[in-house]
Amino acid sequence: MVALNSGEDETVLSRIKDYLSRDKDGRRRAVLELFLNGGLYETKDIDDYLREKNFDVKNKGTPAMVGLMGSKTGILSVDVTGDHNMYSIKEKYRQLVREALRETESS
């Protein structure tokens, strides 16, 4: 595991919490929880997961959300070598995501 310095921790944690503060229906939280399960996910996998959780999934909504999540927080890794982009959470940010989810639970 890569250790972050406390300044970087606070910056990334702040970005994640800011991203979650605009989560109107719990969808962003659900996707972050999915990423914490580990593994690689393409947007179809994320769409299927959101449908299982009874979210209304719109065409192209998930790729936009995941792209925004990656660019706003910097916590996602993208594997673009295959036919579809595969997304995962960077290991060094896993604990910060857990912390942000815990701290924003009641929000």
PDB file of N, CA and C in Angstrom:
ATOM      1  N   MET A   1       0.840  -1.183   0.000  1.00  0.00           N
ATOM      2  CA  MET A   1       0.000   0.000   0.000  1.00  0.00           C
ATOM      3  C   MET A   1       0.878   1.237   0.000  1.00  0.00           C
ATOM      4  N   VAL A   2       0.509   2.217  -0.794  1.00  0.00           N
ATOM      5  CA  VAL A   2       1.240   3.465  -0.877  1.00  0.00           C
ATOM      6  C   VAL A   2       0.726   4.396   0.208  1.00  0.00           C
ATOM      7  N   ALA A   3       1.630   4.949   0.980  1.00  0.00           N
ATOM      8  CA  ALA A   3       1.225   5.873   2.042  1.00  0.00           C
ATOM      9  C   ALA A   3       1.169   7.281   1.474  1.00  0.00           C
ATOM     10  N   LEU A   4       0.141   7.995   1.830  1.00  0.00           N
ATOM     11  CA  LEU A   4      -0.001   9.384   1.430  1.00  0.00           C
ATOM     12  C   LEU A   4       0.455  10.266   2.576  1.00  0.00           C
ATOM     13  N   ASN A   5       0.913  11.476   2.250  1.00  0.00           N
ATOM     14  CA  ASN A   5       1.234  12.381   3.341  1.00  0.00           C
ATOM     15  C   ASN A   5      -0.055  13.031   3.818  1.00  0.00           C
ATOM     16  N   SER A   6      -0.040  13.584   4.991  1.00  0.00           N
ATOM     17  CA  SER A   6      -1.282  14.099   5.588  1.00  0.00           C
ATOM     18  C   SER A   6      -1.892  15.222   4.766  1.00  0.00           C
ATOM     19  N   GLY A   7      -1.072  16.044   4.126  1.00  0.00           N
ATOM     20  CA  GLY A   7      -1.604  17.111   3.279  1.00  0.00           C
ATOM     21  C   GLY A   7      -2.349  16.556   2.079  1.00  0.00           C
ATOM     22  N   GLU A   8      -1.777  15.536   1.454  1.00  0.00           N
ATOM     23  CA  GLU A   8      -2.435  14.906   0.314  1.00  0.00           C
ATOM     24  C   GLU A   8      -3.706  14.192   0.772  1.00  0.00           C
ATOM     25  N   ASP A   9      -3.625  13.521   1.925  1.00  0.00           N
ATOM     26  CA  ASP A   9      -4.813  12.867   2.484  1.00  0.00           C
ATOM     27  C   ASP A   9      -5.966  13.856   2.622  1.00  0.00           C
ATOM     28  N   GLU A  10      -5.693  14.979   3.238  1.00  0.00           N
ATOM     29  CA  GLU A  10      -6.736  15.978   3.497  1.00  0.00           C
ATOM     30  C   GLU A  10      -7.302  16.548   2.199  1.00  0.00           C
ATOM     31  N   THR A  11      -6.445  16.780   1.224  1.00  0.00           N
ATOM     32  CA  THR A  11      -6.901  17.316  -0.067  1.00  0.00           C
ATOM     33  C   THR A  11      -7.820  16.327  -0.767  1.00  0.00           C
ATOM     34  N   VAL A  12      -7.391  15.071  -0.833  1.00  0.00           N
ATOM     35  CA  VAL A  12      -8.191  14.046  -1.512  1.00  0.00           C
ATOM     36  C   VAL A  12      -9.478  13.786  -0.742  1.00  0.00           C
ATOM     37  N   LEU A  13      -9.399  13.697   0.575  1.00  0.00           N
ATOM     38  CA  LEU A  13     -10.590  13.491   1.389  1.00  0.00           C
ATOM     39  C   LEU A  13     -11.584  14.620   1.181  1.00  0.00           C
ATOM     40  N   SER A  14     -11.096  15.835   1.125  1.00  0.00           N
ATOM     41  CA  SER A  14     -11.962  16.992   0.879  1.00  0.00           C
ATOM     42  C   SER A  14     -12.637  16.903  -0.484  1.00  0.00           C
ATOM     43  N   ARG A  15     -11.902  16.476  -1.500  1.00  0.00           N
ATOM     44  CA  ARG A  15     -12.482  16.321  -2.845  1.00  0.00           C
ATOM     45  C   ARG A  15     -13.586  15.268  -2.855  1.00  0.00           C
ATOM     46  N   ILE A  16     -13.331  14.149  -2.189  1.00  0.00           N
ATOM     47  CA  ILE A  16     -14.328  13.070  -2.159  1.00  0.00           C
ATOM     48  C   ILE A  16     -15.586  13.545  -1.433  1.00  0.00           C
ATOM     49  N   LYS A  17     -15.408  14.199  -0.293  1.00  0.00           N
ATOM     50  CA  LYS A  17     -16.556  14.679   0.470  1.00  0.00           C
ATOM     51  C   LYS A  17     -17.325  15.749  -0.301  1.00  0.00           C
ATOM     52  N   ASP A  18     -16.612  16.606  -1.012  1.00  0.00           N
ATOM     53  CA  ASP A  18     -17.274  17.610  -1.847  1.00  0.00           C
ATOM     54  C   ASP A  18     -18.079  16.932  -2.950  1.00  0.00           C
ATOM     55  N   TYR A  19     -17.503  15.914  -3.569  1.00  0.00           N
ATOM     56  CA  TYR A  19     -18.196  15.159  -4.609  1.00  0.00           C
ATOM     57  C   TYR A  19     -19.465  14.517  -4.038  1.00  0.00           C
ATOM     58  N   LEU A  20     -19.367  13.947  -2.856  1.00  0.00           N
ATOM     59  CA  LEU A  20     -20.523  13.307  -2.226  1.00  0.00           C
ATOM     60  C   LEU A  20     -21.563  14.322  -1.760  1.00  0.00           C
ATOM     61  N   SER A  21     -21.154  15.550  -1.487  1.00  0.00           N
ATOM     62  CA  SER A  21     -22.114  16.563  -1.018  1.00  0.00           C
ATOM     63  C   SER A  21     -23.152  16.901  -2.087  1.00  0.00           C
ATOM     64  N   ARG A  22     -22.849  16.598  -3.330  1.00  0.00           N
ATOM     65  CA  ARG A  22     -23.787  16.854  -4.428  1.00  0.00           C
ATOM     66  C   ARG A  22     -24.509  15.577  -4.874  1.00  0.00           C
ATOM     67  N   ASP A  23     -24.504  14.582  -4.018  1.00  0.00           N
ATOM     68  CA  ASP A  23     -25.149  13.291  -4.312  1.00  0.00           C
ATOM     69  C   ASP A  23     -26.617  13.372  -3.896  1.00  0.00           C
ATOM     70  N   LYS A  24     -27.477  13.688  -4.852  1.00  0.00           N
ATOM     71  CA  LYS A  24     -28.893  13.937  -4.541  1.00  0.00           C
ATOM     72  C   LYS A  24     -29.676  12.673  -4.200  1.00  0.00           C
ATOM     73  N   ASP A  25     -29.324  11.558  -4.803  1.00  0.00           N
ATOM     74  CA  ASP A  25     -30.140  10.348  -4.616  1.00  0.00           C
ATOM     75  C   ASP A  25     -29.370   9.141  -4.081  1.00  0.00           C
ATOM     76  N   GLY A  26     -28.112   9.315  -3.736  1.00  0.00           N
ATOM     77  CA  GLY A  26     -27.323   8.203  -3.205  1.00  0.00           C
ATOM     78  C   GLY A  26     -26.566   7.406  -4.254  1.00  0.00           C
ATOM     79  N   ARG A  27     -26.702   7.799  -5.496  1.00  0.00           N
ATOM     80  CA  ARG A  27     -26.066   7.087  -6.607  1.00  0.00           C
ATOM     81  C   ARG A  27     -24.540   7.133  -6.524  1.00  0.00           C
ATOM     82  N   ARG A  28     -23.993   8.305  -6.244  1.00  0.00           N
ATOM     83  CA  ARG A  28     -22.536   8.441  -6.160  1.00  0.00           C
ATOM     84  C   ARG A  28     -21.988   7.579  -5.023  1.00  0.00           C
ATOM     85  N   ARG A  29     -22.681   7.609  -3.905  1.00  0.00           N
ATOM     86  CA  ARG A  29     -22.295   6.787  -2.751  1.00  0.00           C
ATOM     87  C   ARG A  29     -22.316   5.309  -3.137  1.00  0.00           C
ATOM     88  N   ALA A  30     -23.362   4.888  -3.838  1.00  0.00           N
ATOM     89  CA  ALA A  30     -23.484   3.482  -4.245  1.00  0.00           C
ATOM     90  C   ALA A  30     -22.328   3.068  -5.150  1.00  0.00           C
ATOM     91  N   VAL A  31     -21.952   3.935  -6.072  1.00  0.00           N
ATOM     92  CA  VAL A  31     -20.854   3.598  -6.985  1.00  0.00           C
ATOM     93  C   VAL A  31     -19.527   3.523  -6.227  1.00  0.00           C
ATOM     94  N   LEU A  32     -19.308   4.443  -5.302  1.00  0.00           N
ATOM     95  CA  LEU A  32     -18.087   4.373  -4.503  1.00  0.00           C
ATOM     96  C   LEU A  32     -18.053   3.092  -3.671  1.00  0.00           C
ATOM     97  N   GLU A  33     -19.194   2.706  -3.127  1.00  0.00           N
ATOM     98  CA  GLU A  33     -19.255   1.454  -2.368  1.00  0.00           C
ATOM     99  C   GLU A  33     -18.956   0.257  -3.263  1.00  0.00           C
ATOM    100  N   LEU A  34     -19.447   0.290  -4.491  1.00  0.00           N
ATOM    101  CA  LEU A  34     -19.131  -0.773  -5.444  1.00  0.00           C
ATOM    102  C   LEU A  34     -17.627  -0.841  -5.679  1.00  0.00           C
ATOM    103  N   PHE A  35     -17.004   0.297  -5.922  1.00  0.00           N
ATOM    104  CA  PHE A  35     -15.560   0.317  -6.157  1.00  0.00           C
ATOM    105  C   PHE A  35     -14.788  -0.215  -4.960  1.00  0.00           C
ATOM    106  N   LEU A  36     -15.300   0.002  -3.763  1.00  0.00           N
ATOM    107  CA  LEU A  36     -14.614  -0.518  -2.576  1.00  0.00           C
ATOM    108  C   LEU A  36     -14.635  -2.042  -2.511  1.00  0.00           C
ATOM    109  N   ASN A  37     -15.545  -2.676  -3.251  1.00  0.00           N
ATOM    110  CA  ASN A  37     -15.565  -4.138  -3.316  1.00  0.00           C
ATOM    111  C   ASN A  37     -14.344  -4.684  -4.039  1.00  0.00           C
ATOM    112  N   GLY A  38     -13.663  -3.833  -4.770  1.00  0.00           N
ATOM    113  CA  GLY A  38     -12.470  -4.245  -5.513  1.00  0.00           C
ATOM    114  C   GLY A  38     -12.837  -4.677  -6.918  1.00  0.00           C
ATOM    115  N   GLY A  39     -11.854  -4.952  -7.698  1.00  0.00           N
ATOM    116  CA  GLY A  39     -12.084  -5.401  -9.061  1.00  0.00           C
ATOM    117  C   GLY A  39     -12.171  -4.271 -10.056  1.00  0.00           C
ATOM    118  N   LEU A  40     -12.300  -4.672 -11.304  1.00  0.00           N
ATOM    119  CA  LEU A  40     -12.433  -3.745 -12.414  1.00  0.00           C
ATOM    120  C   LEU A  40     -13.876  -3.751 -12.893  1.00  0.00           C
ATOM    121  N   TYR A  41     -14.383  -2.582 -13.226  1.00  0.00           N
ATOM    122  CA  TYR A  41     -15.768  -2.461 -13.676  1.00  0.00           C
ATOM    123  C   TYR A  41     -15.832  -1.619 -14.942  1.00  0.00           C
ATOM    124  N   GLU A  42     -16.597  -2.090 -15.915  1.00  0.00           N
ATOM    125  CA  GLU A  42     -16.899  -1.225 -17.043  1.00  0.00           C
ATOM    126  C   GLU A  42     -18.238  -0.553 -16.737  1.00  0.00           C
ATOM    127  N   THR A  43     -18.587   0.449 -17.499  1.00  0.00           N
ATOM    128  CA  THR A  43     -19.800   1.208 -17.164  1.00  0.00           C
ATOM    129  C   THR A  43     -21.049   0.337 -17.214  1.00  0.00           C
ATOM    130  N   LYS A  44     -21.070  -0.689 -18.044  1.00  0.00           N
ATOM    131  CA  LYS A  44     -22.218  -1.591 -18.070  1.00  0.00           C
ATOM    132  C   LYS A  44     -22.380  -2.298 -16.727  1.00  0.00           C
ATOM    133  N   ASP A  45     -21.258  -2.715 -16.122  1.00  0.00           N
ATOM    134  CA  ASP A  45     -21.303  -3.346 -14.799  1.00  0.00           C
ATOM    135  C   ASP A  45     -21.879  -2.380 -13.761  1.00  0.00           C
ATOM    136  N   ILE A  46     -21.462  -1.132 -13.850  1.00  0.00           N
ATOM    137  CA  ILE A  46     -21.932  -0.117 -12.903  1.00  0.00           C
ATOM    138  C   ILE A  46     -23.415   0.154 -13.128  1.00  0.00           C
ATOM    139  N   ASP A  47     -23.833   0.249 -14.402  1.00  0.00           N
ATOM    140  CA  ASP A  47     -25.261   0.402 -14.715  1.00  0.00           C
ATOM    141  C   ASP A  47     -26.078  -0.745 -14.107  1.00  0.00           C
ATOM    142  N   ASP A  48     -25.621  -1.969 -14.320  1.00  0.00           N
ATOM    143  CA  ASP A  48     -26.335  -3.139 -13.795  1.00  0.00           C
ATOM    144  C   ASP A  48     -26.435  -3.076 -12.271  1.00  0.00           C
ATOM    145  N   TYR A  49     -25.353  -2.704 -11.623  1.00  0.00           N
ATOM    146  CA  TYR A  49     -25.337  -2.585 -10.167  1.00  0.00           C
ATOM    147  C   TYR A  49     -26.340  -1.521  -9.698  1.00  0.00           C
ATOM    148  N   LEU A  50     -26.354  -0.388 -10.381  1.00  0.00           N
ATOM    149  CA  LEU A  50     -27.285   0.684 -10.003  1.00  0.00           C
ATOM    150  C   LEU A  50     -28.740   0.264 -10.218  1.00  0.00           C
ATOM    151  N   ARG A  51     -28.997  -0.467 -11.284  1.00  0.00           N
ATOM    152  CA  ARG A  51     -30.357  -0.970 -11.513  1.00  0.00           C
ATOM    153  C   ARG A  51     -30.771  -1.935 -10.405  1.00  0.00           C
ATOM    154  N   GLU A  52     -29.844  -2.792  -9.975  1.00  0.00           N
ATOM    155  CA  GLU A  52     -30.133  -3.717  -8.865  1.00  0.00           C
ATOM    156  C   GLU A  52     -30.491  -2.955  -7.596  1.00  0.00           C
ATOM    157  N   LYS A  53     -29.917  -1.763  -7.452  1.00  0.00           N
ATOM    158  CA  LYS A  53     -30.177  -0.914  -6.279  1.00  0.00           C
ATOM    159  C   LYS A  53     -31.374   0.011  -6.504  1.00  0.00           C
ATOM    160  N   ASN A  54     -32.110  -0.225  -7.602  1.00  0.00           N
ATOM    161  CA  ASN A  54     -33.333   0.527  -7.948  1.00  0.00           C
ATOM    162  C   ASN A  54     -33.114   1.985  -8.311  1.00  0.00           C
ATOM    163  N   PHE A  55     -31.949   2.302  -8.878  1.00  0.00           N
ATOM    164  CA  PHE A  55     -31.727   3.641  -9.408  1.00  0.00           C
ATOM    165  C   PHE A  55     -32.209   3.675 -10.852  1.00  0.00           C
ATOM    166  N   ASP A  56     -32.720   4.820 -11.262  1.00  0.00           N
ATOM    167  CA  ASP A  56     -33.122   5.033 -12.642  1.00  0.00           C
ATOM    168  C   ASP A  56     -31.854   5.347 -13.433  1.00  0.00           C
ATOM    169  N   VAL A  57     -31.472   4.446 -14.322  1.00  0.00           N
ATOM    170  CA  VAL A  57     -30.226   4.595 -15.068  1.00  0.00           C
ATOM    171  C   VAL A  57     -30.543   5.115 -16.465  1.00  0.00           C
ATOM    172  N   LYS A  58     -29.956   6.250 -16.793  1.00  0.00           N
ATOM    173  CA  LYS A  58     -30.152   6.880 -18.099  1.00  0.00           C
ATOM    174  C   LYS A  58     -28.993   6.533 -19.030  1.00  0.00           C
ATOM    175  N   ASN A  59     -29.294   6.523 -20.322  1.00  0.00           N
ATOM    176  CA  ASN A  59     -28.282   6.274 -21.336  1.00  0.00           C
ATOM    177  C   ASN A  59     -27.165   7.312 -21.214  1.00  0.00           C
ATOM    178  N   LYS A  60     -25.945   6.863 -21.133  1.00  0.00           N
ATOM    179  CA  LYS A  60     -24.737   7.689 -21.041  1.00  0.00           C
ATOM    180  C   LYS A  60     -24.576   8.410 -19.713  1.00  0.00           C
ATOM    181  N   GLY A  61     -25.500   8.235 -18.794  1.00  0.00           N
ATOM    182  CA  GLY A  61     -25.378   8.889 -17.495  1.00  0.00           C
ATOM    183  C   GLY A  61     -24.238   8.336 -16.666  1.00  0.00           C
ATOM    184  N   THR A  62     -24.075   7.014 -16.693  1.00  0.00           N
ATOM    185  CA  THR A  62     -23.028   6.392 -15.882  1.00  0.00           C
ATOM    186  C   THR A  62     -21.634   6.746 -16.384  1.00  0.00           C
ATOM    187  N   PRO A  63     -21.368   6.678 -17.690  1.00  0.00           N
ATOM    188  CA  PRO A  63     -20.024   7.078 -18.131  1.00  0.00           C
ATOM    189  C   PRO A  63     -19.704   8.529 -17.745  1.00  0.00           C
ATOM    190  N   ALA A  64     -20.690   9.403 -17.837  1.00  0.00           N
ATOM    191  CA  ALA A  64     -20.470  10.799 -17.456  1.00  0.00           C
ATOM    192  C   ALA A  64     -20.174  10.905 -15.963  1.00  0.00           C
ATOM    193  N   MET A  65     -20.934  10.179 -15.152  1.00  0.00           N
ATOM    194  CA  MET A  65     -20.748  10.231 -13.711  1.00  0.00           C
ATOM    195  C   MET A  65     -19.372   9.679 -13.326  1.00  0.00           C
ATOM    196  N   VAL A  66     -18.988   8.554 -13.893  1.00  0.00           N
ATOM    197  CA  VAL A  66     -17.707   7.941 -13.559  1.00  0.00           C
ATOM    198  C   VAL A  66     -16.559   8.832 -14.043  1.00  0.00           C
ATOM    199  N   GLY A  67     -16.707   9.415 -15.211  1.00  0.00           N
ATOM    200  CA  GLY A  67     -15.686  10.334 -15.710  1.00  0.00           C
ATOM    201  C   GLY A  67     -15.523  11.542 -14.803  1.00  0.00           C
ATOM    202  N   LEU A  68     -16.639  12.093 -14.357  1.00  0.00           N
ATOM    203  CA  LEU A  68     -16.605  13.226 -13.442  1.00  0.00           C
ATOM    204  C   LEU A  68     -15.986  12.818 -12.107  1.00  0.00           C
ATOM    205  N   MET A  69     -16.362  11.636 -11.623  1.00  0.00           N
ATOM    206  CA  MET A  69     -15.813  11.132 -10.368  1.00  0.00           C
ATOM    207  C   MET A  69     -14.283  11.042 -10.464  1.00  0.00           C
ATOM    208  N   GLY A  70     -13.816  10.496 -11.561  1.00  0.00           N
ATOM    209  CA  GLY A  70     -12.377  10.356 -11.742  1.00  0.00           C
ATOM    210  C   GLY A  70     -11.662  11.686 -11.855  1.00  0.00           C
ATOM    211  N   SER A  71     -12.245  12.615 -12.607  1.00  0.00           N
ATOM    212  CA  SER A  71     -11.571  13.891 -12.802  1.00  0.00           C
ATOM    213  C   SER A  71     -11.668  14.803 -11.579  1.00  0.00           C
ATOM    214  N   LYS A  72     -12.777  14.781 -10.875  1.00  0.00           N
ATOM    215  CA  LYS A  72     -12.954  15.652  -9.706  1.00  0.00           C
ATOM    216  C   LYS A  72     -12.203  15.165  -8.479  1.00  0.00           C
ATOM    217  N   THR A  73     -12.102  13.843  -8.312  1.00  0.00           N
ATOM    218  CA  THR A  73     -11.491  13.316  -7.102  1.00  0.00           C
ATOM    219  C   THR A  73     -10.089  12.756  -7.315  1.00  0.00           C
ATOM    220  N   GLY A  74      -9.812  12.252  -8.511  1.00  0.00           N
ATOM    221  CA  GLY A  74      -8.513  11.647  -8.796  1.00  0.00           C
ATOM    222  C   GLY A  74      -8.316  10.272  -8.187  1.00  0.00           C
ATOM    223  N   ILE A  75      -9.404   9.633  -7.741  1.00  0.00           N
ATOM    224  CA  ILE A  75      -9.275   8.363  -7.014  1.00  0.00           C
ATOM    225  C   ILE A  75      -9.417   7.128  -7.898  1.00  0.00           C
ATOM    226  N   LEU A  76      -9.774   7.326  -9.161  1.00  0.00           N
ATOM    227  CA  LEU A  76     -10.023   6.171 -10.024  1.00  0.00           C
ATOM    228  C   LEU A  76      -8.862   5.902 -10.962  1.00  0.00           C
ATOM    229  N   SER A  77      -8.676   4.633 -11.224  1.00  0.00           N
ATOM    230  CA  SER A  77      -7.729   4.177 -12.225  1.00  0.00           C
ATOM    231  C   SER A  77      -8.539   3.706 -13.421  1.00  0.00           C
ATOM    232  N   VAL A  78      -8.075   4.031 -14.626  1.00  0.00           N
ATOM    233  CA  VAL A  78      -8.784   3.630 -15.837  1.00  0.00           C
ATOM    234  C   VAL A  78      -7.855   2.796 -16.698  1.00  0.00           C
ATOM    235  N   ASP A  79      -8.311   1.587 -17.030  1.00  0.00           N
ATOM    236  CA  ASP A  79      -7.572   0.703 -17.924  1.00  0.00           C
ATOM    237  C   ASP A  79      -8.243   0.812 -19.288  1.00  0.00           C
ATOM    238  N   VAL A  80      -7.530   1.382 -20.261  1.00  0.00           N
ATOM    239  CA  VAL A  80      -8.101   1.610 -21.588  1.00  0.00           C
ATOM    240  C   VAL A  80      -7.522   0.665 -22.639  1.00  0.00           C
ATOM    241  N   THR A  81      -6.920  -0.431 -22.207  1.00  0.00           N
ATOM    242  CA  THR A  81      -6.248  -1.317 -23.155  1.00  0.00           C
ATOM    243  C   THR A  81      -7.188  -2.256 -23.899  1.00  0.00           C
ATOM    244  N   GLY A  82      -8.365  -2.549 -23.363  1.00  0.00           N
ATOM    245  CA  GLY A  82      -9.279  -3.490 -23.998  1.00  0.00           C
ATOM    246  C   GLY A  82     -10.327  -2.778 -24.839  1.00  0.00           C
ATOM    247  N   ASP A  83     -11.403  -3.500 -25.113  1.00  0.00           N
ATOM    248  CA  ASP A  83     -12.505  -2.946 -25.899  1.00  0.00           C
ATOM    249  C   ASP A  83     -13.295  -1.895 -25.137  1.00  0.00           C
ATOM    250  N   HIS A  84     -13.330  -2.012 -23.813  1.00  0.00           N
ATOM    251  CA  HIS A  84     -14.087  -1.089 -22.973  1.00  0.00           C
ATOM    252  C   HIS A  84     -13.181  -0.558 -21.868  1.00  0.00           C
ATOM    253  N   ASN A  85     -13.397   0.689 -21.484  1.00  0.00           N
ATOM    254  CA  ASN A  85     -12.661   1.236 -20.347  1.00  0.00           C
ATOM    255  C   ASN A  85     -13.061   0.475 -19.093  1.00  0.00           C
ATOM    256  N   MET A  86     -12.074   0.117 -18.308  1.00  0.00           N
ATOM    257  CA  MET A  86     -12.305  -0.583 -17.054  1.00  0.00           C
ATOM    258  C   MET A  86     -11.842   0.326 -15.917  1.00  0.00           C
ATOM    259  N   TYR A  87     -12.729   0.517 -14.944  1.00  0.00           N
ATOM    260  CA  TYR A  87     -12.477   1.442 -13.845  1.00  0.00           C
ATOM    261  C   TYR A  87     -12.282   0.686 -12.538  1.00  0.00           C
ATOM    262  N   SER A  88     -11.411   1.221 -11.709  1.00  0.00           N
ATOM    263  CA  SER A  88     -11.211   0.691 -10.361  1.00  0.00           C
ATOM    264  C   SER A  88     -10.744   1.838  -9.479  1.00  0.00           C
ATOM    265  N   ILE A  89     -10.808   1.613  -8.189  1.00  0.00           N
ATOM    266  CA  ILE A  89     -10.324   2.620  -7.257  1.00  0.00           C
ATOM    267  C   ILE A  89      -8.828   2.401  -7.046  1.00  0.00           C
ATOM    268  N   LYS A  90      -8.083   3.478  -7.007  1.00  0.00           N
ATOM    269  CA  LYS A  90      -6.652   3.361  -6.738  1.00  0.00           C
ATOM    270  C   LYS A  90      -6.490   2.897  -5.294  1.00  0.00           C
ATOM    271  N   GLU A  91      -5.665   1.904  -5.117  1.00  0.00           N
ATOM    272  CA  GLU A  91      -5.494   1.290  -3.790  1.00  0.00           C
ATOM    273  C   GLU A  91      -5.123   2.320  -2.721  1.00  0.00           C
ATOM    274  N   LYS A  92      -4.296   3.273  -3.075  1.00  0.00           N
ATOM    275  CA  LYS A  92      -3.844   4.241  -2.072  1.00  0.00           C
ATOM    276  C   LYS A  92      -4.959   5.147  -1.564  1.00  0.00           C
ATOM    277  N   TYR A  93      -6.119   5.170  -2.269  1.00  0.00           N
ATOM    278  CA  TYR A  93      -7.231   6.018  -1.839  1.00  0.00           C
ATOM    279  C   TYR A  93      -8.377   5.230  -1.207  1.00  0.00           C
ATOM    280  N   ARG A  94      -8.251   3.940  -1.154  1.00  0.00           N
ATOM    281  CA  ARG A  94      -9.336   3.093  -0.651  1.00  0.00           C
ATOM    282  C   ARG A  94      -9.781   3.496   0.765  1.00  0.00           C
ATOM    283  N   GLN A  95      -8.834   3.678   1.665  1.00  0.00           N
ATOM    284  CA  GLN A  95      -9.189   4.023   3.042  1.00  0.00           C
ATOM    285  C   GLN A  95      -9.809   5.420   3.125  1.00  0.00           C
ATOM    286  N   LEU A  96      -9.341   6.346   2.307  1.00  0.00           N
ATOM    287  CA  LEU A  96      -9.917   7.696   2.308  1.00  0.00           C
ATOM    288  C   LEU A  96     -11.365   7.673   1.826  1.00  0.00           C
ATOM    289  N   VAL A  97     -11.658   6.831   0.854  1.00  0.00           N
ATOM    290  CA  VAL A  97     -13.040   6.709   0.385  1.00  0.00           C
ATOM    291  C   VAL A  97     -13.910   6.153   1.504  1.00  0.00           C
ATOM    292  N   ARG A  98     -13.427   5.133   2.196  1.00  0.00           N
ATOM    293  CA  ARG A  98     -14.185   4.593   3.339  1.00  0.00           C
ATOM    294  C   ARG A  98     -14.454   5.679   4.375  1.00  0.00           C
ATOM    295  N   GLU A  99     -13.425   6.464   4.663  1.00  0.00           N
ATOM    296  CA  GLU A  99     -13.555   7.531   5.652  1.00  0.00           C
ATOM    297  C   GLU A  99     -14.570   8.579   5.195  1.00  0.00           C
ATOM    298  N   ALA A 100     -14.494   8.976   3.934  1.00  0.00           N
ATOM    299  CA  ALA A 100     -15.436   9.979   3.406  1.00  0.00           C
ATOM    300  C   ALA A 100     -16.862   9.446   3.445  1.00  0.00           C
ATOM    301  N   LEU A 101     -17.056   8.188   3.091  1.00  0.00           N
ATOM    302  CA  LEU A 101     -18.399   7.595   3.136  1.00  0.00           C
ATOM    303  C   LEU A 101     -18.921   7.560   4.566  1.00  0.00           C
ATOM    304  N   ARG A 102     -18.056   7.220   5.485  1.00  0.00           N
ATOM    305  CA  ARG A 102     -18.461   7.161   6.899  1.00  0.00           C
ATOM    306  C   ARG A 102     -18.811   8.564   7.418  1.00  0.00           C
ATOM    307  N   GLU A 103     -17.989   9.540   7.078  1.00  0.00           N
ATOM    308  CA  GLU A 103     -18.192  10.912   7.569  1.00  0.00           C
ATOM    309  C   GLU A 103     -19.412  11.587   6.950  1.00  0.00           C
ATOM    310  N   THR A 104     -19.831  11.122   5.784  1.00  0.00           N
ATOM    311  CA  THR A 104     -20.962  11.756   5.100  1.00  0.00           C
ATOM    312  C   THR A 104     -22.218  10.897   5.160  1.00  0.00           C
ATOM    313  N   GLU A 105     -22.210   9.870   5.989  1.00  0.00           N
ATOM    314  CA  GLU A 105     -23.340   8.937   6.083  1.00  0.00           C
ATOM    315  C   GLU A 105     -24.678   9.620   6.334  1.00  0.00           C
ATOM    316  N   SER A 106     -24.711  10.518   7.258  1.00  0.00           N
ATOM    317  CA  SER A 106     -25.982  11.133   7.639  1.00  0.00           C
ATOM    318  C   SER A 106     -26.327  12.362   6.817  1.00  0.00           C
ATOM    319  N   SER A 107     -25.458  12.723   5.883  1.00  0.00           N
ATOM    320  CA  SER A 107     -25.719  13.921   5.062  1.00  0.00           C
ATOM    321  C   SER A 107     -26.781  13.685   4.029  1.00  0.00           C
TER     322      SER A 107
END
